[in-house]
Amino acid sequence: MAVCIGFIGKENSPLFLRCINPSQELQFHYIMHTCIDFVEEKIVQSNKSGSDVRELYLGLLYSSEEVKAYGFVTNTKIKIVIIIDSTNSLLRDNEIRAIFRKLHNAYTELVCNPFYTPGDPITSK
C-alpha cells in the first residue's frame, strides 16, 4: 500500500520519514520536498478563496509512473505526505482520507506526550 510516509514541520523541515525500502529513502525524500511546493500552493489558494473552513485533506499532490503522493495539512501547519505505489489502483480517495485521519490521530497523541517537544524530529522504535 504506502511505500513512504512523511511528517513535515511548520518550517518545511522533515520531522519523520519512513520508507518500506530504506535504499529508496533518498528518492522519496526528494518527492517529499517536491510535494511541499504543491502543499504551499494549495494553502495559499484556500486562503485567497476566503473560506473560513479549511479542508485538511489536500488530495493528490504528485504523480509519476511509479508512485503517487497525497497530502494532508493539520491546523498547526504540520504536513503529512503519503507516497503510494502507482500499481495499487484499488485504493480509493475515502480510504486515503481514513489513513490520514489515523496518522493525524497518532500525531495528536504524540504532541500530547509531555516528553515530546513540538517541532523536534519524531523517532520511532
N, C-alpha and C. Protein backbone atom coordinates (compact mmCIF):
# COMPACT_ATOMS: atom_id res chain seq x y z
N MET A 1 0.83 -1.16 0.00
CA MET A 1 0.00 0.00 0.00
C MET A 1 0.89 1.24 0.00
N ALA A 2 1.18 1.83 1.13
CA ALA A 2 2.03 3.02 1.19
C ALA A 2 3.49 2.58 1.20
N VAL A 3 4.30 3.21 0.37
CA VAL A 3 5.72 2.89 0.33
C VAL A 3 6.54 3.87 1.16
N CYS A 4 5.95 5.03 1.50
CA CYS A 4 6.66 6.01 2.31
C CYS A 4 5.65 6.95 2.98
N ILE A 5 5.97 7.32 4.22
CA ILE A 5 5.14 8.26 4.97
C ILE A 5 6.07 9.31 5.56
N GLY A 6 5.66 10.56 5.44
CA GLY A 6 6.48 11.64 5.97
C GLY A 6 5.67 12.69 6.71
N PHE A 7 6.23 13.19 7.80
CA PHE A 7 5.67 14.32 8.55
C PHE A 7 6.64 15.48 8.36
N ILE A 8 6.11 16.62 7.96
CA ILE A 8 6.94 17.79 7.67
C ILE A 8 6.47 18.93 8.57
N GLY A 9 7.42 19.59 9.23
CA GLY A 9 7.10 20.64 10.19
C GLY A 9 6.63 21.94 9.58
N LYS A 10 6.34 22.90 10.44
CA LYS A 10 5.86 24.22 10.02
C LYS A 10 6.86 24.93 9.12
N GLU A 11 8.13 24.76 9.41
CA GLU A 11 9.19 25.43 8.66
C GLU A 11 9.69 24.56 7.50
N ASN A 12 8.90 23.58 7.10
CA ASN A 12 9.19 22.67 5.98
C ASN A 12 10.43 21.81 6.22
N SER A 13 10.71 21.50 7.47
CA SER A 13 11.80 20.58 7.78
C SER A 13 11.18 19.21 8.10
N PRO A 14 11.79 18.15 7.63
CA PRO A 14 11.21 16.82 7.86
C PRO A 14 11.29 16.43 9.34
N LEU A 15 10.16 16.03 9.89
CA LEU A 15 10.10 15.55 11.27
C LEU A 15 10.23 14.03 11.32
N PHE A 16 9.69 13.37 10.30
CA PHE A 16 9.69 11.91 10.27
C PHE A 16 9.57 11.47 8.82
N LEU A 17 10.38 10.52 8.44
CA LEU A 17 10.32 9.94 7.09
C LEU A 17 10.62 8.46 7.22
N ARG A 18 9.66 7.64 6.86
CA ARG A 18 9.84 6.19 6.96
C ARG A 18 9.42 5.55 5.65
N CYS A 19 10.30 4.72 5.10
CA CYS A 19 10.05 4.04 3.84
C CYS A 19 10.10 2.53 4.06
N ILE A 20 9.40 1.82 3.20
CA ILE A 20 9.44 0.36 3.27
C ILE A 20 10.82 -0.14 2.89
N ASN A 21 11.36 0.44 1.82
CA ASN A 21 12.68 0.06 1.33
C ASN A 21 13.67 1.19 1.66
N PRO A 22 14.55 0.99 2.65
CA PRO A 22 15.47 2.07 3.03
C PRO A 22 16.41 2.52 1.90
N SER A 23 16.64 1.68 0.90
CA SER A 23 17.53 2.08 -0.18
C SER A 23 16.88 3.16 -1.08
N GLN A 24 15.56 3.30 -1.02
CA GLN A 24 14.86 4.31 -1.82
C GLN A 24 14.54 5.57 -1.02
N GLU A 25 15.04 5.66 0.19
CA GLU A 25 14.68 6.78 1.06
C GLU A 25 15.08 8.12 0.46
N LEU A 26 16.23 8.21 -0.18
CA LEU A 26 16.67 9.48 -0.78
C LEU A 26 15.73 9.90 -1.91
N GLN A 27 15.32 8.95 -2.74
CA GLN A 27 14.39 9.25 -3.83
C GLN A 27 13.06 9.79 -3.27
N PHE A 28 12.55 9.16 -2.22
CA PHE A 28 11.29 9.61 -1.63
C PHE A 28 11.46 10.92 -0.88
N HIS A 29 12.65 11.17 -0.38
CA HIS A 29 12.93 12.45 0.28
C HIS A 29 12.79 13.59 -0.73
N TYR A 30 13.28 13.38 -1.94
CA TYR A 30 13.14 14.39 -3.00
C TYR A 30 11.66 14.59 -3.36
N ILE A 31 10.92 13.51 -3.44
CA ILE A 31 9.49 13.61 -3.76
C ILE A 31 8.75 14.37 -2.66
N MET A 32 9.13 14.12 -1.40
CA MET A 32 8.51 14.85 -0.28
C MET A 32 8.73 16.36 -0.44
N HIS A 33 9.95 16.76 -0.78
CA HIS A 33 10.23 18.18 -0.94
C HIS A 33 9.51 18.76 -2.15
N THR A 34 9.30 17.97 -3.18
CA THR A 34 8.50 18.43 -4.32
C THR A 34 7.07 18.67 -3.89
N CYS A 35 6.55 17.77 -3.05
CA CYS A 35 5.17 17.89 -2.57
C CYS A 35 4.97 19.11 -1.69
N ILE A 36 6.01 19.54 -0.99
CA ILE A 36 5.88 20.72 -0.13
C ILE A 36 5.47 21.94 -0.95
N ASP A 37 6.04 22.07 -2.16
CA ASP A 37 5.67 23.19 -3.02
C ASP A 37 4.19 23.15 -3.37
N PHE A 38 3.68 21.96 -3.69
CA PHE A 38 2.26 21.82 -4.03
C PHE A 38 1.38 22.10 -2.82
N VAL A 39 1.81 21.68 -1.64
CA VAL A 39 1.06 21.93 -0.41
C VAL A 39 0.97 23.44 -0.16
N GLU A 40 2.09 24.13 -0.29
CA GLU A 40 2.10 25.58 -0.08
C GLU A 40 1.17 26.28 -1.06
N GLU A 41 1.17 25.84 -2.33
CA GLU A 41 0.28 26.42 -3.34
C GLU A 41 -1.18 26.24 -2.95
N LYS A 42 -1.54 25.03 -2.51
CA LYS A 42 -2.93 24.76 -2.15
C LYS A 42 -3.35 25.53 -0.92
N ILE A 43 -2.44 25.73 0.03
CA ILE A 43 -2.77 26.52 1.22
C ILE A 43 -3.01 27.97 0.84
N VAL A 44 -2.17 28.52 -0.03
CA VAL A 44 -2.34 29.91 -0.47
C VAL A 44 -3.65 30.07 -1.24
N GLN A 45 -3.99 29.09 -2.09
CA GLN A 45 -5.23 29.17 -2.85
C GLN A 45 -6.44 29.12 -1.93
N SER A 46 -6.39 28.29 -0.90
CA SER A 46 -7.53 28.21 0.02
C SER A 46 -7.65 29.48 0.85
N ASN A 47 -6.54 30.13 1.15
CA ASN A 47 -6.59 31.40 1.89
C ASN A 47 -7.15 32.52 1.01
N LYS A 48 -6.84 32.49 -0.29
CA LYS A 48 -7.34 33.52 -1.20
C LYS A 48 -8.83 33.40 -1.44
N SER A 49 -9.34 32.17 -1.37
CA SER A 49 -10.76 31.97 -1.63
C SER A 49 -11.61 32.55 -0.51
N GLY A 50 -11.02 32.79 0.65
CA GLY A 50 -11.73 33.44 1.74
C GLY A 50 -12.62 32.50 2.54
N SER A 51 -12.52 31.20 2.27
CA SER A 51 -13.35 30.26 3.03
C SER A 51 -12.79 30.13 4.44
N ASP A 52 -13.68 30.21 5.41
CA ASP A 52 -13.27 30.16 6.81
C ASP A 52 -12.94 28.73 7.23
N VAL A 53 -13.62 27.75 6.63
CA VAL A 53 -13.38 26.35 6.95
C VAL A 53 -12.40 25.81 5.93
N ARG A 54 -11.29 25.30 6.41
CA ARG A 54 -10.24 24.81 5.52
C ARG A 54 -10.27 23.29 5.48
N GLU A 55 -10.21 22.73 4.30
CA GLU A 55 -10.16 21.29 4.13
C GLU A 55 -8.74 20.83 4.45
N LEU A 56 -8.61 19.88 5.37
CA LEU A 56 -7.29 19.41 5.78
C LEU A 56 -6.70 18.46 4.74
N TYR A 57 -7.54 17.68 4.09
CA TYR A 57 -7.07 16.73 3.08
C TYR A 57 -6.83 17.49 1.79
N LEU A 58 -5.63 17.35 1.23
CA LEU A 58 -5.27 18.11 0.03
C LEU A 58 -5.41 17.32 -1.25
N GLY A 59 -5.50 16.00 -1.14
CA GLY A 59 -5.66 15.17 -2.33
C GLY A 59 -4.33 14.82 -2.97
N LEU A 60 -4.39 14.50 -4.24
CA LEU A 60 -3.21 14.09 -5.00
C LEU A 60 -2.30 15.30 -5.22
N LEU A 61 -1.04 15.16 -4.81
CA LEU A 61 -0.07 16.24 -4.96
C LEU A 61 0.90 15.99 -6.10
N TYR A 62 1.28 14.73 -6.28
CA TYR A 62 2.34 14.40 -7.24
C TYR A 62 2.04 13.02 -7.80
N SER A 63 2.24 12.85 -9.08
CA SER A 63 2.01 11.55 -9.70
C SER A 63 3.09 11.29 -10.74
N SER A 64 3.60 10.08 -10.72
CA SER A 64 4.55 9.64 -11.74
C SER A 64 4.18 8.22 -12.13
N GLU A 65 4.99 7.60 -12.97
CA GLU A 65 4.70 6.24 -13.39
C GLU A 65 4.84 5.25 -12.24
N GLU A 66 5.71 5.56 -11.29
CA GLU A 66 5.98 4.62 -10.20
C GLU A 66 5.14 4.88 -8.95
N VAL A 67 4.95 6.15 -8.59
CA VAL A 67 4.33 6.49 -7.31
C VAL A 67 3.33 7.63 -7.46
N LYS A 68 2.43 7.72 -6.45
CA LYS A 68 1.52 8.84 -6.31
C LYS A 68 1.67 9.36 -4.89
N ALA A 69 1.66 10.67 -4.72
CA ALA A 69 1.81 11.27 -3.40
C ALA A 69 0.55 12.06 -3.06
N TYR A 70 0.04 11.84 -1.85
CA TYR A 70 -1.15 12.51 -1.35
C TYR A 70 -0.75 13.35 -0.14
N GLY A 71 -1.48 14.44 0.09
CA GLY A 71 -1.11 15.34 1.16
C GLY A 71 -2.24 15.67 2.12
N PHE A 72 -1.84 16.07 3.30
CA PHE A 72 -2.75 16.45 4.39
C PHE A 72 -2.02 17.50 5.20
N VAL A 73 -2.72 18.52 5.64
CA VAL A 73 -2.10 19.55 6.48
C VAL A 73 -2.97 19.74 7.71
N THR A 74 -2.34 19.80 8.88
CA THR A 74 -3.09 19.97 10.12
C THR A 74 -3.37 21.44 10.35
N ASN A 75 -4.16 21.72 11.37
CA ASN A 75 -4.45 23.12 11.71
C ASN A 75 -3.21 23.85 12.20
N THR A 76 -2.22 23.11 12.69
CA THR A 76 -0.97 23.71 13.17
C THR A 76 0.10 23.73 12.07
N LYS A 77 -0.31 23.50 10.83
CA LYS A 77 0.55 23.56 9.64
C LYS A 77 1.62 22.46 9.59
N ILE A 78 1.35 21.33 10.23
CA ILE A 78 2.20 20.15 10.07
C ILE A 78 1.68 19.42 8.84
N LYS A 79 2.56 19.10 7.93
CA LYS A 79 2.17 18.46 6.68
C LYS A 79 2.44 16.95 6.77
N ILE A 80 1.48 16.16 6.32
CA ILE A 80 1.64 14.71 6.26
C ILE A 80 1.54 14.32 4.80
N VAL A 81 2.51 13.55 4.32
CA VAL A 81 2.53 13.12 2.93
C VAL A 81 2.65 11.59 2.92
N ILE A 82 1.80 10.97 2.11
CA ILE A 82 1.86 9.52 1.91
C ILE A 82 2.21 9.28 0.45
N ILE A 83 3.20 8.45 0.22
CA ILE A 83 3.58 8.06 -1.13
C ILE A 83 3.13 6.62 -1.33
N ILE A 84 2.33 6.41 -2.37
CA ILE A 84 1.73 5.10 -2.65
C ILE A 84 2.22 4.61 -3.99
N ASP A 85 2.42 3.31 -4.07
CA ASP A 85 2.83 2.68 -5.33
C ASP A 85 1.72 2.86 -6.37
N SER A 86 2.06 3.29 -7.57
CA SER A 86 1.07 3.57 -8.61
C SER A 86 0.35 2.32 -9.10
N THR A 87 0.96 1.17 -8.90
CA THR A 87 0.31 -0.06 -9.36
C THR A 87 -0.91 -0.42 -8.52
N ASN A 88 -1.04 0.19 -7.34
CA ASN A 88 -2.17 -0.07 -6.46
C ASN A 88 -3.34 0.82 -6.88
N SER A 89 -4.15 0.33 -7.82
CA SER A 89 -5.26 1.14 -8.33
C SER A 89 -6.54 0.89 -7.55
N LEU A 90 -6.53 -0.02 -6.60
CA LEU A 90 -7.73 -0.33 -5.84
C LEU A 90 -7.97 0.64 -4.69
N LEU A 91 -7.00 1.46 -4.37
CA LEU A 91 -7.11 2.39 -3.25
C LEU A 91 -7.96 3.59 -3.66
N ARG A 92 -9.04 3.82 -2.92
CA ARG A 92 -9.96 4.92 -3.23
C ARG A 92 -9.64 6.13 -2.35
N ASP A 93 -10.23 7.25 -2.73
CA ASP A 93 -9.97 8.51 -2.04
C ASP A 93 -10.42 8.46 -0.57
N ASN A 94 -11.55 7.84 -0.30
CA ASN A 94 -12.02 7.79 1.09
C ASN A 94 -11.13 6.90 1.96
N GLU A 95 -10.49 5.89 1.37
CA GLU A 95 -9.54 5.06 2.13
C GLU A 95 -8.28 5.84 2.46
N ILE A 96 -7.85 6.68 1.54
CA ILE A 96 -6.67 7.51 1.79
C ILE A 96 -6.98 8.54 2.87
N ARG A 97 -8.19 9.10 2.86
CA ARG A 97 -8.61 10.02 3.92
C ARG A 97 -8.59 9.33 5.28
N ALA A 98 -9.02 8.06 5.32
CA ALA A 98 -9.03 7.31 6.58
C ALA A 98 -7.60 7.09 7.08
N ILE A 99 -6.67 6.84 6.17
CA ILE A 99 -5.26 6.67 6.56
C ILE A 99 -4.75 7.97 7.16
N PHE A 100 -5.07 9.09 6.53
CA PHE A 100 -4.63 10.39 7.05
C PHE A 100 -5.24 10.68 8.42
N ARG A 101 -6.50 10.32 8.62
CA ARG A 101 -7.12 10.53 9.93
C ARG A 101 -6.38 9.74 11.01
N LYS A 102 -6.02 8.50 10.70
CA LYS A 102 -5.29 7.67 11.67
C LYS A 102 -3.90 8.25 11.95
N LEU A 103 -3.21 8.71 10.91
CA LEU A 103 -1.90 9.32 11.12
C LEU A 103 -2.02 10.62 11.91
N HIS A 104 -3.05 11.40 11.64
CA HIS A 104 -3.25 12.65 12.37
C HIS A 104 -3.55 12.36 13.84
N ASN A 105 -4.34 11.34 14.10
CA ASN A 105 -4.62 10.96 15.49
C ASN A 105 -3.35 10.50 16.20
N ALA A 106 -2.50 9.75 15.50
CA ALA A 106 -1.23 9.31 16.09
C ALA A 106 -0.34 10.51 16.38
N TYR A 107 -0.31 11.48 15.48
CA TYR A 107 0.49 12.68 15.72
C TYR A 107 -0.06 13.49 16.89
N THR A 108 -1.38 13.56 16.99
CA THR A 108 -2.00 14.28 18.11
C THR A 108 -1.63 13.63 19.44
N GLU A 109 -1.64 12.29 19.47
CA GLU A 109 -1.23 11.59 20.70
C GLU A 109 0.23 11.88 21.03
N LEU A 110 1.08 11.96 20.02
CA LEU A 110 2.49 12.27 20.23
C LEU A 110 2.66 13.67 20.83
N VAL A 111 1.95 14.63 20.29
CA VAL A 111 2.07 16.00 20.77
C VAL A 111 1.55 16.12 22.20
N CYS A 112 0.59 15.30 22.56
CA CYS A 112 0.06 15.33 23.93
C CYS A 112 1.03 14.71 24.94
N ASN A 113 2.05 14.02 24.47
CA ASN A 113 3.05 13.42 25.34
C ASN A 113 3.88 14.54 25.98
N PRO A 114 3.96 14.58 27.31
CA PRO A 114 4.71 15.67 27.95
C PRO A 114 6.22 15.62 27.70
N PHE A 115 6.73 14.50 27.23
CA PHE A 115 8.17 14.37 26.99
C PHE A 115 8.56 14.73 25.55
N TYR A 116 7.60 15.07 24.73
CA TYR A 116 7.87 15.45 23.35
C TYR A 116 7.77 16.96 23.22
N THR A 117 8.76 17.57 22.59
CA THR A 117 8.75 18.99 22.32
C THR A 117 8.29 19.18 20.86
N PRO A 118 7.17 19.87 20.63
CA PRO A 118 6.70 20.05 19.26
C PRO A 118 7.77 20.70 18.38
N GLY A 119 7.93 20.13 17.19
CA GLY A 119 8.94 20.62 16.25
C GLY A 119 10.20 19.77 16.24
N ASP A 120 10.41 18.94 17.27
CA ASP A 120 11.56 18.05 17.29
C ASP A 120 11.32 16.89 16.33
N PRO A 121 12.39 16.32 15.77
CA PRO A 121 12.21 15.15 14.92
C PRO A 121 11.53 14.02 15.70
N ILE A 122 10.71 13.27 14.98
CA ILE A 122 9.97 12.16 15.58
C ILE A 122 10.81 10.90 15.44
N THR A 123 11.01 10.20 16.55
CA THR A 123 11.73 8.94 16.50
C THR A 123 10.76 7.81 16.80
N SER A 124 10.98 6.69 16.15
CA SER A 124 10.13 5.53 16.32
C SER A 124 10.99 4.32 16.57
N LYS A 125 10.52 3.46 17.47
CA LYS A 125 11.28 2.24 17.77
C LYS A 125 10.64 1.03 17.14
